[in-house]
């Protein structure tokens, strides 16, 4: 199922936080050039097909870093943690489930680096203020608001 990710979101104006992320087309409209996309984290959106580009031969596009980790890379990313500890943290919601609803024990299971980072931040006391909060604090400090 994870091999079905054959498109990349290419628009920065719409869904800028999704720019460069892989997705798959679930449904294609016939008359208005629209489609239903599903991103690797399960988020779905109906949009124009002009906003996506096909990945050629499964290779990464220029400027795209691989955000996917298999089980081995996840353990390395977590500092060589034992697999039983990884499973315990997944059960306790300290780490995310693999993408596309695949079981963690499945050899095809993949994790998104950003989702793992967010889960680790939340497990260790939160991710800190958002960019909007930081802008508001700076505006208040400079007397703009």
C-alpha atoms as a PDB file:
ATOM      1  CA  UNK A   1       0.000   0.000   0.000  1.00  0.00           C
ATOM      2  CA  UNK A   2       2.852   2.389   0.787  1.00  0.00           C
ATOM      3  CA  UNK A   3       4.177   1.901  -2.757  1.00  0.00           C
ATOM      4  CA  UNK A   4       1.058   3.614  -4.132  1.00  0.00           C
ATOM      5  CA  UNK A   5       2.452   7.042  -3.232  1.00  0.00           C
ATOM      6  CA  UNK A   6       3.118   8.235  -6.743  1.00  0.00           C
ATOM      7  CA  UNK A   7       2.534  11.992  -6.462  1.00  0.00           C
ATOM      8  CA  UNK A   8       4.118  14.989  -4.748  1.00  0.00           C
ATOM      9  CA  UNK A   9       2.172  18.053  -3.552  1.00  0.00           C
ATOM     10  CA  UNK A  10       3.736  21.000  -5.436  1.00  0.00           C
ATOM     11  CA  UNK A  11       1.666  24.079  -4.493  1.00  0.00           C
ATOM     12  CA  UNK A  12       2.888  26.435  -1.793  1.00  0.00           C
ATOM     13  CA  UNK A  13      -0.137  28.752  -1.971  1.00  0.00           C
ATOM     14  CA  UNK A  14      -2.613  26.055  -0.971  1.00  0.00           C
ATOM     15  CA  UNK A  15      -1.659  23.717   1.888  1.00  0.00           C
ATOM     16  CA  UNK A  16       1.878  25.168   2.200  1.00  0.00           C
ATOM     17  CA  UNK A  17       2.643  22.832   5.124  1.00  0.00           C
ATOM     18  CA  UNK A  18       2.147  19.897   2.705  1.00  0.00           C
ATOM     19  CA  UNK A  19       4.597  21.181   0.070  1.00  0.00           C
ATOM     20  CA  UNK A  20       6.863  18.351  -1.111  1.00  0.00           C
ATOM     21  CA  UNK A  21       4.920  15.629   0.710  1.00  0.00           C
ATOM     22  CA  UNK A  22       4.021  12.426  -1.045  1.00  0.00           C
ATOM     23  CA  UNK A  23       0.397  11.546  -1.645  1.00  0.00           C
ATOM     24  CA  UNK A  24      -1.725   9.184  -3.666  1.00  0.00           C
ATOM     25  CA  UNK A  25      -4.756   9.825  -5.821  1.00  0.00           C
ATOM     26  CA  UNK A  26      -7.803   7.914  -4.575  1.00  0.00           C
ATOM     27  CA  UNK A  27     -10.390   9.287  -7.013  1.00  0.00           C
ATOM     28  CA  UNK A  28     -10.003  11.276 -10.224  1.00  0.00           C
ATOM     29  CA  UNK A  29     -12.712  13.635 -11.423  1.00  0.00           C
ATOM     30  CA  UNK A  30     -13.475  13.598 -15.131  1.00  0.00           C
ATOM     31  CA  UNK A  31     -14.874  17.033 -15.896  1.00  0.00           C
ATOM     32  CA  UNK A  32     -13.237  19.599 -13.603  1.00  0.00           C
ATOM     33  CA  UNK A  33      -9.655  18.267 -13.353  1.00  0.00           C
ATOM     34  CA  UNK A  34     -10.205  17.489  -9.661  1.00  0.00           C
ATOM     35  CA  UNK A  35      -9.098  14.573  -7.529  1.00  0.00           C
ATOM     36  CA  UNK A  36      -9.272  13.166  -4.016  1.00  0.00           C
ATOM     37  CA  UNK A  37      -5.780  12.869  -2.534  1.00  0.00           C
ATOM     38  CA  UNK A  38      -4.600  11.042   0.553  1.00  0.00           C
ATOM     39  CA  UNK A  39      -1.313  12.032   2.151  1.00  0.00           C
ATOM     40  CA  UNK A  40       0.861   9.513   3.955  1.00  0.00           C
ATOM     41  CA  UNK A  41      -0.415  10.618   7.362  1.00  0.00           C
ATOM     42  CA  UNK A  42      -4.025   9.900   6.307  1.00  0.00           C
ATOM     43  CA  UNK A  43      -5.097  13.519   5.615  1.00  0.00           C
ATOM     44  CA  UNK A  44      -7.468  13.701   2.623  1.00  0.00           C
ATOM     45  CA  UNK A  45      -8.292  16.671   0.415  1.00  0.00           C
ATOM     46  CA  UNK A  46     -10.231  17.323  -2.796  1.00  0.00           C
ATOM     47  CA  UNK A  47      -8.186  19.578  -5.036  1.00  0.00           C
ATOM     48  CA  UNK A  48      -7.111  20.370  -8.582  1.00  0.00           C
ATOM     49  CA  UNK A  49      -4.775  17.897 -10.232  1.00  0.00           C
ATOM     50  CA  UNK A  50      -2.593  20.877 -11.208  1.00  0.00           C
ATOM     51  CA  UNK A  51      -1.246  20.881  -7.627  1.00  0.00           C
ATOM     52  CA  UNK A  52       0.411  17.472  -7.848  1.00  0.00           C
ATOM     53  CA  UNK A  53       3.296  16.022  -9.817  1.00  0.00           C
ATOM     54  CA  UNK A  54       3.918  12.366 -10.545  1.00  0.00           C
ATOM     55  CA  UNK A  55       7.025  10.779  -9.029  1.00  0.00           C
ATOM     56  CA  UNK A  56       8.987   9.220 -11.848  1.00  0.00           C
ATOM     57  CA  UNK A  57      10.159   5.665 -11.176  1.00  0.00           C
ATOM     58  CA  UNK A  58       9.854   6.077  -7.415  1.00  0.00           C
ATOM     59  CA  UNK A  59      12.890   8.401  -7.359  1.00  0.00           C
ATOM     60  CA  UNK A  60      13.013  11.508  -5.226  1.00  0.00           C
ATOM     61  CA  UNK A  61      12.496  14.803  -7.005  1.00  0.00           C
ATOM     62  CA  UNK A  62      15.127  17.547  -6.905  1.00  0.00           C
ATOM     63  CA  UNK A  63      15.287  19.079  -3.453  1.00  0.00           C
ATOM     64  CA  UNK A  64      13.172  16.369  -1.816  1.00  0.00           C
ATOM     65  CA  UNK A  65      14.574  14.513   1.168  1.00  0.00           C
ATOM     66  CA  UNK A  66      13.245  11.129   2.083  1.00  0.00           C
ATOM     67  CA  UNK A  67      11.023  11.541   5.131  1.00  0.00           C
ATOM     68  CA  UNK A  68      10.154   7.873   5.392  1.00  0.00           C
ATOM     69  CA  UNK A  69      11.771   5.461   7.817  1.00  0.00           C
ATOM     70  CA  UNK A  70      11.377   1.708   7.937  1.00  0.00           C
ATOM     71  CA  UNK A  71      11.611  -0.232  11.219  1.00  0.00           C
ATOM     72  CA  UNK A  72      15.421  -0.387  11.162  1.00  0.00           C
ATOM     73  CA  UNK A  73      15.835   3.315  10.423  1.00  0.00           C
ATOM     74  CA  UNK A  74      13.286   4.177  13.116  1.00  0.00           C
ATOM     75  CA  UNK A  75      15.296   2.243  15.708  1.00  0.00           C
ATOM     76  CA  UNK A  76      18.491   3.988  14.571  1.00  0.00           C
ATOM     77  CA  UNK A  77      16.727   7.378  14.688  1.00  0.00           C
ATOM     78  CA  UNK A  78      15.707   6.642  18.275  1.00  0.00           C
ATOM     79  CA  UNK A  79      19.293   5.890  19.297  1.00  0.00           C
ATOM     80  CA  UNK A  80      19.312   2.111  18.836  1.00  0.00           C
ATOM     81  CA  UNK A  81      16.244   1.521  20.991  1.00  0.00           C
ATOM     82  CA  UNK A  82      15.124  -2.100  21.316  1.00  0.00           C
ATOM     83  CA  UNK A  83      12.102  -3.049  19.210  1.00  0.00           C
ATOM     84  CA  UNK A  84      10.102  -4.064  22.300  1.00  0.00           C
ATOM     85  CA  UNK A  85      10.598  -0.530  23.698  1.00  0.00           C
ATOM     86  CA  UNK A  86       9.487   0.995  20.371  1.00  0.00           C
ATOM     87  CA  UNK A  87       6.308  -1.121  20.462  1.00  0.00           C
ATOM     88  CA  UNK A  88       5.661  -0.105  24.090  1.00  0.00           C
ATOM     89  CA  UNK A  89       5.975   3.576  23.155  1.00  0.00           C
ATOM     90  CA  UNK A  90       3.610   3.110  20.202  1.00  0.00           C
ATOM     91  CA  UNK A  91       1.075   1.449  22.531  1.00  0.00           C
ATOM     92  CA  UNK A  92       1.410   4.358  25.005  1.00  0.00           C
ATOM     93  CA  UNK A  93       0.962   6.931  22.176  1.00  0.00           C
ATOM     94  CA  UNK A  94       4.496   8.256  22.703  1.00  0.00           C
ATOM     95  CA  UNK A  95       5.328   7.330  19.091  1.00  0.00           C
ATOM     96  CA  UNK A  96       2.987   7.404  16.066  1.00  0.00           C
ATOM     97  CA  UNK A  97       1.597   4.385  14.276  1.00  0.00           C
ATOM     98  CA  UNK A  98       3.061   3.615  10.829  1.00  0.00           C
ATOM     99  CA  UNK A  99       1.559   5.334   7.794  1.00  0.00           C
ATOM    100  CA  UNK A 100      -1.374   3.976   5.790  1.00  0.00           C
ATOM    101  CA  UNK A 101      -2.693   1.968   8.751  1.00  0.00           C
ATOM    102  CA  UNK A 102      -0.053  -0.758   8.422  1.00  0.00           C
ATOM    103  CA  UNK A 103       0.722  -2.730  11.584  1.00  0.00           C
ATOM    104  CA  UNK A 104       4.060  -1.830  13.255  1.00  0.00           C
ATOM    105  CA  UNK A 105       5.208  -5.451  12.971  1.00  0.00           C
ATOM    106  CA  UNK A 106       4.663  -5.485   9.185  1.00  0.00           C
ATOM    107  CA  UNK A 107       7.998  -5.342   7.285  1.00  0.00           C
ATOM    108  CA  UNK A 108       6.443  -2.758   4.926  1.00  0.00           C
ATOM    109  CA  UNK A 109       5.664  -0.346   7.792  1.00  0.00           C
ATOM    110  CA  UNK A 110       6.936   3.212   7.265  1.00  0.00           C
ATOM    111  CA  UNK A 111       7.066   6.212   9.612  1.00  0.00           C
ATOM    112  CA  UNK A 112       7.248   9.902   8.712  1.00  0.00           C
ATOM    113  CA  UNK A 113      10.209  11.657  10.383  1.00  0.00           C
ATOM    114  CA  UNK A 114       8.140  14.777  11.116  1.00  0.00           C
ATOM    115  CA  UNK A 115       5.370  12.773  12.792  1.00  0.00           C
ATOM    116  CA  UNK A 116       7.931  10.959  14.960  1.00  0.00           C
ATOM    117  CA  UNK A 117       9.516  14.304  15.926  1.00  0.00           C
ATOM    118  CA  UNK A 118       6.132  15.787  16.868  1.00  0.00           C
ATOM    119  CA  UNK A 119       5.254  12.753  18.996  1.00  0.00           C
ATOM    120  CA  UNK A 120       8.626  12.905  20.767  1.00  0.00           C
ATOM    121  CA  UNK A 121       8.176  16.646  21.428  1.00  0.00           C
ATOM    122  CA  UNK A 122       4.744  16.068  22.930  1.00  0.00           C
ATOM    123  CA  UNK A 123       6.007  13.163  25.022  1.00  0.00           C
ATOM    124  CA  UNK A 124       8.768  15.384  26.450  1.00  0.00           C
ATOM    125  CA  UNK A 125       6.662  18.320  27.595  1.00  0.00           C
ATOM    126  CA  UNK A 126       5.278  19.874  24.429  1.00  0.00           C
ATOM    127  CA  UNK A 127       6.637  21.455  21.290  1.00  0.00           C
ATOM    128  CA  UNK A 128       6.881  25.012  22.629  1.00  0.00           C
ATOM    129  CA  UNK A 129       5.157  28.081  21.216  1.00  0.00           C
ATOM    130  CA  UNK A 130       3.927  28.030  17.631  1.00  0.00           C
ATOM    131  CA  UNK A 131       5.148  30.535  15.059  1.00  0.00           C
ATOM    132  CA  UNK A 132       1.900  32.509  15.435  1.00  0.00           C
ATOM    133  CA  UNK A 133       2.419  32.685  19.209  1.00  0.00           C
ATOM    134  CA  UNK A 134       5.999  33.835  18.699  1.00  0.00           C
ATOM    135  CA  UNK A 135       4.860  36.571  16.265  1.00  0.00           C
ATOM    136  CA  UNK A 136       2.247  37.783  18.758  1.00  0.00           C
ATOM    137  CA  UNK A 137       4.837  37.865  21.573  1.00  0.00           C
ATOM    138  CA  UNK A 138       7.275  39.811  19.366  1.00  0.00           C
ATOM    139  CA  UNK A 139       4.548  42.246  18.260  1.00  0.00           C
ATOM    140  CA  UNK A 140       3.579  42.855  21.903  1.00  0.00           C
ATOM    141  CA  UNK A 141       7.215  43.348  22.891  1.00  0.00           C
ATOM    142  CA  UNK A 142       7.729  45.890  20.093  1.00  0.00           C
ATOM    143  CA  UNK A 143       4.436  47.650  20.859  1.00  0.00           C
ATOM    144  CA  UNK A 144       2.627  46.814  17.616  1.00  0.00           C
ATOM    145  CA  UNK A 145      -0.371  45.247  19.376  1.00  0.00           C
END
